[in-house]
Amino acid sequence: MLLWGFTLMYALPALAQEKVVSGIITGADDAPLKDVTVTVKGTKIATKTNDAGNYSIRVSPGQVLVFSFVDYNRNDVTVGASNSVSVKMVPSNSSLDEVVVVAMDIKRNSKELGYSVQKVDGQDIQESQRENFVNALQGRVAGLTVNQTSGVAGASSQIVLRGFNSLSLDNTPLFVIDGVIADNSTVGEGGGGATLGLAGDPGNANRANDYSNRISDINPNDIESITVLKGPEATALYGSQASSGAIIITTKKAKPNGKLVVSYDNSFRTQTFNRIPETMDAYQGGTNGVPIDIFSSFGPRYPYGTKLYDNVDAFFKTCFSQTHNI
C-alpha cells in the first residue's frame, strides 16, 4: 500500500502536465486544409484536420508537433504554454510551378484537375522574339497547331486545338485575358466590321489581303503565363464560345513586396528578300495581245531593244528593325 501511494503521488503531476492543444491549419490562400496530419514528434500519437481545417491533440509542453501535407512544406512547432497552435502551410517549390489559372482567374494545382491543361511561361514567349506571340506557342503545347498565313510582319495566325471540329464555323479557341473574354476575329472585306472573314463567304472573302488577328496586338512582354484548356471542360467553364478550347492569358502585375522593379529588354532584326519569283516581263499590259489602259497581263510584246527595268529588286530593300520594352 505504501509503494502504491508513492507511485500515485508521482503519476499525478505527470498527468497534470498533459493538455489538449487545438488550432486551424490553412494554406497559402488562407483557405482551411483538410486531412493535414498532425503528429507528436517521437511518438505514435497523431490526428488529422477536419473539413474546416480544425484539429485537437493531447500533448505535453515542450513536445514538438509535426504538421505534414502533400505538396506542402513540413512544419515543426514546439508546444508552449498556449493551448492554441494554428499553422499556415506553405506549398513546396515543386507544386508552385504547377499552379495554373482556370476560369475567372481562379488558381488551381494542375494535379487536382481532372482534365487536360498545359501552362506556358511568359518568359518562354518573350525569348522567342515573335511579333505575333501566337506563333511562339507552336511546339510548346501538345495537340496545338498554329496555321500561319505568311512570314511577313503582321501576318495573321490561327490556333487549332486537337483538330477541326466544325466545317462551317470558326475553330479557333476562346481567348481570355485576366478573366475578360477577348475578341480574336479579323476585319471582313465587304462586311464593314470585325467578322470571321470566312473564305467561302463572298461578302467576307479576305482572299487577297491579310488583316491579321486581333489577339496578336498583345505585347508578348506583358504576358506572365498562358494556360491552355483543351476539350469539353473549357466549354463547361466558359460556355459554347469555348467549344474549341480556351487560352487563358495572365498579364504581369506589380509584386506586393514593397520593392520597385523595372525590367527592360530589346531585340534587333534585319530582313532581306533572298528569293524573288521569276516573272515574264516581255509583254505590255493588256489581254491576248491587245493593249488595255487598266492593269492586266499579256498585251502586245515590247518592241525589240526596249530597255526594261528590274523594278522588283529596286523596290525591296534590306530592313532593319528594333524593339524596346520597359
Protein backbone atom coordinates (compact mmCIF):
# COMPACT_ATOMS: atom_id res chain seq x y z
CA MET A 1 0.00 0.00 0.00
CA LEU A 2 2.88 2.35 0.78
CA LEU A 3 4.51 1.60 -2.60
CA TRP A 4 1.20 2.18 -4.37
CA GLY A 5 0.82 5.55 -2.68
CA PHE A 6 4.27 6.74 -3.81
CA THR A 7 3.52 5.63 -7.39
CA LEU A 8 0.22 7.52 -7.43
CA MET A 9 1.86 10.64 -5.97
CA TYR A 10 4.44 10.85 -8.78
CA ALA A 11 1.99 9.95 -11.55
CA LEU A 12 -0.47 12.79 -10.85
CA PRO A 13 1.96 15.64 -11.68
CA ALA A 14 2.90 13.88 -14.93
CA LEU A 15 -0.76 13.60 -15.97
CA ALA A 16 -1.33 17.22 -14.99
CA GLN A 17 1.29 18.38 -17.49
CA GLU A 18 -0.59 16.92 -20.49
CA LYS A 19 -3.13 19.19 -22.13
CA VAL A 20 -5.30 19.40 -25.23
CA VAL A 21 -3.90 21.65 -27.95
CA SER A 22 -6.14 22.72 -30.83
CA GLY A 23 -5.97 25.06 -33.81
CA ILE A 24 -6.72 25.57 -37.50
CA ILE A 25 -4.48 24.77 -40.46
CA THR A 26 -4.71 26.97 -43.56
CA GLY A 27 -2.98 27.12 -46.94
CA ALA A 28 -1.23 29.94 -48.76
CA ASP A 29 -4.63 31.38 -49.78
CA ASP A 30 -5.87 31.30 -46.14
CA ALA A 31 -8.33 28.52 -47.02
CA PRO A 32 -8.60 25.69 -44.44
CA LEU A 33 -6.80 22.47 -45.33
CA LYS A 34 -8.45 19.10 -44.80
CA ASP A 35 -6.61 15.87 -43.83
CA VAL A 36 -3.41 17.57 -42.67
CA THR A 37 -1.52 15.06 -40.49
CA VAL A 38 -0.61 16.32 -37.01
CA THR A 39 1.88 14.12 -35.13
CA VAL A 40 3.62 14.38 -31.75
CA LYS A 41 7.27 14.02 -32.69
CA GLY A 42 8.88 10.85 -31.39
CA THR A 43 5.54 9.19 -30.56
CA LYS A 44 2.73 7.39 -32.37
CA ILE A 45 0.16 9.97 -31.28
CA ALA A 46 -1.37 11.56 -34.38
CA THR A 47 -4.56 13.08 -35.76
CA LYS A 48 -5.89 14.82 -38.87
CA THR A 49 -7.71 18.07 -39.57
CA ASN A 50 -11.42 18.04 -40.41
CA ASP A 51 -13.23 19.78 -43.28
CA ALA A 52 -12.85 23.15 -41.54
CA GLY A 53 -9.13 22.64 -41.02
CA ASN A 54 -9.51 22.20 -37.23
CA TYR A 55 -7.63 19.66 -35.11
CA SER A 56 -7.09 18.78 -31.43
CA ILE A 57 -4.47 16.57 -29.83
CA ARG A 58 -3.16 15.72 -26.35
CA VAL A 59 0.41 16.84 -25.86
CA SER A 60 2.76 17.99 -23.10
CA PRO A 61 4.56 21.36 -23.06
CA GLY A 62 7.96 21.09 -24.66
CA GLN A 63 6.95 18.41 -27.11
CA VAL A 64 7.04 19.12 -30.86
CA LEU A 65 4.01 18.97 -33.16
CA VAL A 66 4.75 17.98 -36.77
CA PHE A 67 2.34 19.22 -39.46
CA SER A 68 2.64 17.48 -42.85
CA PHE A 69 0.57 17.56 -46.02
CA VAL A 70 1.08 16.51 -49.64
CA ASP A 71 2.76 19.20 -51.80
CA TYR A 72 3.35 21.41 -48.73
CA ASN A 73 6.45 22.04 -46.65
CA ARG A 74 6.55 20.28 -43.28
CA ASN A 75 6.13 22.45 -40.17
CA ASP A 76 7.58 21.65 -36.70
CA VAL A 77 6.13 23.66 -33.80
CA THR A 78 7.19 23.35 -30.15
CA VAL A 79 4.27 23.41 -27.72
CA GLY A 80 4.46 26.11 -25.08
CA ALA A 81 2.04 27.49 -22.51
CA SER A 82 -0.67 28.28 -25.07
CA ASN A 83 -3.45 25.79 -25.78
CA SER A 84 -3.87 27.02 -29.34
CA VAL A 85 -1.45 26.34 -32.20
CA SER A 86 -2.51 27.42 -35.71
CA VAL A 87 -0.27 26.98 -38.71
CA LYS A 88 -0.23 28.40 -42.24
CA MET A 89 1.19 25.78 -44.62
CA VAL A 90 3.47 26.87 -47.46
CA PRO A 91 3.39 24.95 -50.78
CA SER A 92 6.62 23.27 -51.76
CA ASN A 93 8.61 24.59 -54.72
CA SER A 94 7.65 21.64 -56.90
CA SER A 95 3.94 22.42 -56.64
CA LEU A 96 4.33 26.19 -57.13
CA ASP A 97 5.40 25.63 -60.71
CA GLU A 98 2.26 23.58 -61.39
CA VAL A 99 -0.30 26.21 -60.39
CA VAL A 100 -2.49 27.11 -63.36
CA VAL A 101 -5.21 29.71 -63.88
CA VAL A 102 -8.63 28.40 -64.92
CA ALA A 103 -11.99 30.21 -65.01
CA MET A 104 -12.42 33.69 -63.53
CA ASP A 105 -8.75 34.00 -62.53
CA ILE A 106 -9.08 31.04 -60.14
CA LYS A 107 -5.77 29.27 -59.46
CA ARG A 108 -5.62 25.50 -59.12
CA ASN A 109 -2.92 22.89 -58.78
CA SER A 110 -2.69 21.00 -62.07
CA LYS A 111 -2.59 17.70 -60.15
CA GLU A 112 -6.05 18.42 -58.75
CA LEU A 113 -7.66 18.91 -62.17
CA GLY A 114 -9.38 16.04 -63.93
CA TYR A 115 -8.91 17.40 -67.44
CA SER A 116 -6.05 18.24 -69.78
CA VAL A 117 -4.36 21.57 -69.10
CA GLN A 118 -0.94 22.94 -70.00
CA LYS A 119 0.91 26.05 -68.92
CA VAL A 120 3.45 28.10 -70.87
CA ASP A 121 5.62 30.57 -69.01
CA GLY A 122 5.67 34.13 -70.29
CA GLN A 123 9.48 34.14 -70.28
CA ASP A 124 9.49 31.42 -72.93
CA ILE A 125 7.16 33.52 -75.09
CA GLN A 126 9.37 36.60 -74.77
CA GLU A 127 12.57 34.77 -75.64
CA SER A 128 11.08 33.62 -78.95
CA GLN A 129 11.08 37.29 -80.10
CA ARG A 130 7.96 36.87 -82.25
CA GLU A 131 5.84 39.88 -83.18
CA ASN A 132 2.78 37.62 -83.00
CA PHE A 133 3.03 35.68 -79.74
CA VAL A 134 0.61 33.08 -81.13
CA ASN A 135 3.45 31.69 -83.26
CA ALA A 136 5.56 31.16 -80.13
CA LEU A 137 3.09 28.54 -78.87
CA GLN A 138 3.93 26.18 -81.72
CA GLY A 139 5.62 23.06 -80.35
CA ARG A 140 5.10 24.07 -76.71
CA VAL A 141 1.59 22.64 -76.18
CA ALA A 142 0.51 19.10 -77.06
CA GLY A 143 -2.30 18.98 -79.61
CA LEU A 144 -1.92 22.67 -80.57
CA THR A 145 -1.42 23.62 -84.22
CA VAL A 146 -0.58 27.12 -85.44
CA ASN A 147 -1.59 27.94 -89.02
CA GLN A 148 0.42 30.92 -90.29
CA THR A 149 -0.62 32.81 -93.41
CA SER A 150 2.92 34.02 -94.20
CA GLY A 151 6.17 35.04 -92.58
CA VAL A 152 5.84 38.79 -93.07
CA ALA A 153 5.46 41.16 -90.15
CA GLY A 154 1.86 41.48 -89.01
CA ALA A 155 0.68 38.31 -90.72
CA SER A 156 -2.24 36.54 -89.08
CA SER A 157 -2.04 33.16 -87.35
CA GLN A 158 -4.75 30.74 -86.29
CA ILE A 159 -4.63 28.33 -83.36
CA VAL A 160 -6.42 24.98 -83.54
CA LEU A 161 -6.61 22.66 -80.53
CA ARG A 162 -6.98 18.92 -81.18
CA GLY A 163 -8.05 19.34 -84.79
CA PHE A 164 -11.03 20.93 -86.53
CA ASN A 165 -14.45 20.18 -85.05
CA SER A 166 -16.56 22.24 -87.47
CA LEU A 167 -16.50 22.64 -91.26
CA SER A 168 -18.53 25.85 -91.32
CA LEU A 169 -17.65 27.79 -88.15
CA ASP A 170 -14.54 29.25 -86.58
CA ASN A 171 -12.34 26.57 -84.98
CA THR A 172 -10.07 28.90 -83.03
CA PRO A 173 -10.16 28.69 -79.21
CA LEU A 174 -11.55 31.34 -76.92
CA PHE A 175 -9.04 33.87 -75.58
CA VAL A 176 -9.42 35.16 -72.01
CA ILE A 177 -7.14 37.92 -70.69
CA ASP A 178 -7.14 38.36 -66.91
CA GLY A 179 -10.68 36.98 -66.73
CA VAL A 180 -12.03 39.10 -69.60
CA ILE A 181 -13.01 37.46 -72.90
CA ALA A 182 -11.06 38.92 -75.83
CA ASP A 183 -12.14 39.10 -79.47
CA ASN A 184 -9.78 37.36 -81.92
CA SER A 185 -11.77 37.98 -85.10
CA THR A 186 -10.44 39.84 -88.14
CA VAL A 187 -11.84 42.50 -90.44
CA GLY A 188 -14.05 41.04 -93.18
CA GLU A 189 -13.94 42.54 -96.65
CA GLY A 190 -17.36 43.81 -97.66
CA GLY A 191 -18.80 43.27 -94.21
CA GLY A 192 -17.67 46.60 -92.81
CA GLY A 193 -16.88 45.16 -89.39
CA ALA A 194 -15.00 42.55 -87.44
CA THR A 195 -16.18 39.15 -88.63
CA LEU A 196 -14.79 35.68 -89.07
CA GLY A 197 -13.63 36.51 -92.59
CA LEU A 198 -14.56 33.10 -94.00
CA ALA A 199 -13.13 32.38 -97.44
CA GLY A 200 -16.38 30.73 -98.56
CA ASP A 201 -18.48 33.84 -97.92
CA PRO A 202 -18.35 36.26 -100.90
CA GLY A 203 -19.03 39.17 -98.59
CA ASN A 204 -16.07 38.31 -96.38
CA ALA A 205 -13.66 36.73 -98.81
CA ASN A 206 -10.34 38.11 -97.47
CA ARG A 207 -8.57 36.16 -100.18
CA ALA A 208 -6.19 38.89 -101.32
CA ASN A 209 -5.49 40.79 -98.09
CA ASP A 210 -4.39 39.79 -94.60
CA TYR A 211 -5.77 41.97 -91.82
CA SER A 212 -4.05 39.99 -89.06
CA ASN A 213 -5.81 38.59 -85.99
CA ARG A 214 -6.63 40.87 -83.12
CA ILE A 215 -5.06 38.76 -80.36
CA SER A 216 -1.68 39.48 -81.96
CA ASP A 217 -1.98 43.06 -80.68
CA ILE A 218 -0.91 41.85 -77.23
CA ASN A 219 2.68 42.65 -76.35
CA PRO A 220 4.45 39.34 -75.57
CA ASN A 221 6.46 41.10 -72.86
CA ASP A 222 3.24 41.83 -70.94
CA ILE A 223 2.39 38.12 -70.59
CA GLU A 224 3.08 36.43 -67.25
CA SER A 225 1.78 32.99 -68.22
CA ILE A 226 -0.55 31.22 -70.64
CA THR A 227 -2.82 28.33 -69.63
CA VAL A 228 -4.31 26.19 -72.41
CA LEU A 229 -7.57 24.35 -71.66
CA LYS A 230 -8.41 21.60 -74.13
CA GLY A 231 -11.56 19.59 -74.55
CA PRO A 232 -15.19 20.00 -73.40
CA GLU A 233 -14.14 21.07 -69.89
CA ALA A 234 -13.30 24.50 -71.29
CA THR A 235 -16.87 24.72 -72.60
CA ALA A 236 -18.20 23.99 -69.14
CA LEU A 237 -16.13 26.84 -67.71
CA TYR A 238 -16.75 29.48 -70.39
CA GLY A 239 -19.79 28.29 -72.35
CA SER A 240 -20.25 27.46 -76.02
CA GLN A 241 -17.74 30.12 -77.08
CA ALA A 242 -15.01 27.82 -75.79
CA SER A 243 -16.20 24.77 -77.72
CA SER A 244 -12.81 24.68 -79.47
CA GLY A 245 -10.87 25.16 -76.22
CA ALA A 246 -9.71 28.19 -74.27
CA ILE A 247 -6.42 30.01 -73.90
CA ILE A 248 -6.14 31.86 -70.60
CA ILE A 249 -3.63 34.73 -70.60
CA THR A 250 -2.40 36.22 -67.32
CA THR A 251 -0.59 39.54 -67.65
CA LYS A 252 2.19 40.85 -65.46
CA LYS A 253 1.28 42.72 -62.31
CA ALA A 254 3.20 44.52 -59.61
CA LYS A 255 4.59 42.22 -56.93
CA PRO A 256 3.43 43.10 -53.38
CA ASN A 257 6.93 43.02 -51.91
CA GLY A 258 7.38 46.74 -51.33
CA LYS A 259 10.20 46.94 -53.89
CA LEU A 260 10.47 48.87 -57.14
CA VAL A 261 11.26 46.52 -60.03
CA VAL A 262 11.96 47.71 -63.57
CA SER A 263 12.58 45.23 -66.40
CA TYR A 264 13.97 46.06 -69.83
CA ASP A 265 14.75 44.04 -72.94
CA ASN A 266 15.38 44.73 -76.60
CA SER A 267 15.72 42.97 -79.92
CA PHE A 268 17.34 43.90 -83.23
CA ARG A 269 16.48 42.31 -86.55
CA THR A 270 17.32 42.57 -90.24
CA GLN A 271 15.21 41.26 -93.12
CA THR A 272 16.26 40.73 -96.72
CA PHE A 273 14.47 39.28 -99.76
CA ASN A 274 16.66 36.39 -100.92
CA ARG A 275 14.20 34.68 -103.28
CA ILE A 276 12.03 36.52 -105.79
CA PRO A 277 9.79 34.56 -108.17
CA GLU A 278 10.68 34.67 -111.85
CA THR A 279 8.26 36.71 -113.97
CA MET A 280 7.59 37.22 -117.70
CA ASP A 281 8.42 40.86 -118.45
CA ALA A 282 8.42 40.79 -122.28
CA TYR A 283 4.78 41.85 -122.69
CA GLN A 284 2.97 45.10 -122.06
CA GLY A 285 -0.30 45.47 -120.21
CA GLY A 286 -3.33 44.11 -122.00
CA THR A 287 -5.15 40.91 -122.91
CA ASN A 288 -4.47 38.49 -125.77
CA GLY A 289 -2.06 40.90 -127.43
CA VAL A 290 -4.45 43.87 -127.31
CA PRO A 291 -3.24 46.82 -125.14
CA ILE A 292 -5.58 47.97 -122.34
CA ASP A 293 -5.18 51.05 -120.15
CA ILE A 294 -6.03 49.13 -116.99
CA PHE A 295 -3.60 46.84 -115.24
CA SER A 296 -3.62 43.45 -116.90
CA SER A 297 -1.26 40.87 -118.42
CA PHE A 298 -0.05 39.67 -121.85
CA GLY A 299 -0.75 42.65 -124.06
CA PRO A 300 1.46 43.33 -127.10
CA ARG A 301 5.13 42.38 -126.88
CA TYR A 302 7.63 45.15 -126.14
CA PRO A 303 9.50 46.26 -129.27
CA TYR A 304 12.96 44.79 -129.67
CA GLY A 305 15.60 46.88 -127.90
CA THR A 306 13.20 48.36 -125.32
CA LYS A 307 15.05 48.95 -122.05
CA LEU A 308 13.37 47.06 -119.20
CA TYR A 309 13.97 47.78 -115.54
CA ASP A 310 14.20 45.39 -112.61
CA ASN A 311 11.57 47.19 -110.54
CA VAL A 312 11.20 44.34 -108.06
CA ASP A 313 14.81 44.39 -106.88
CA ALA A 314 14.74 48.19 -106.88
CA PHE A 315 11.67 48.23 -104.66
CA PHE A 316 12.67 45.83 -101.86
CA LYS A 317 15.46 46.98 -99.56
CA THR A 318 17.17 45.43 -96.56
CA CYS A 319 15.07 46.19 -93.49
CA PHE A 320 16.40 46.92 -90.02
CA SER A 321 14.02 46.92 -87.05
CA GLN A 322 14.48 47.28 -83.33
CA THR A 323 12.11 46.73 -80.42
CA HIS A 324 12.49 48.03 -76.88
CA ASN A 325 10.29 47.07 -73.91
CA ILE A 326 10.48 48.65 -70.47
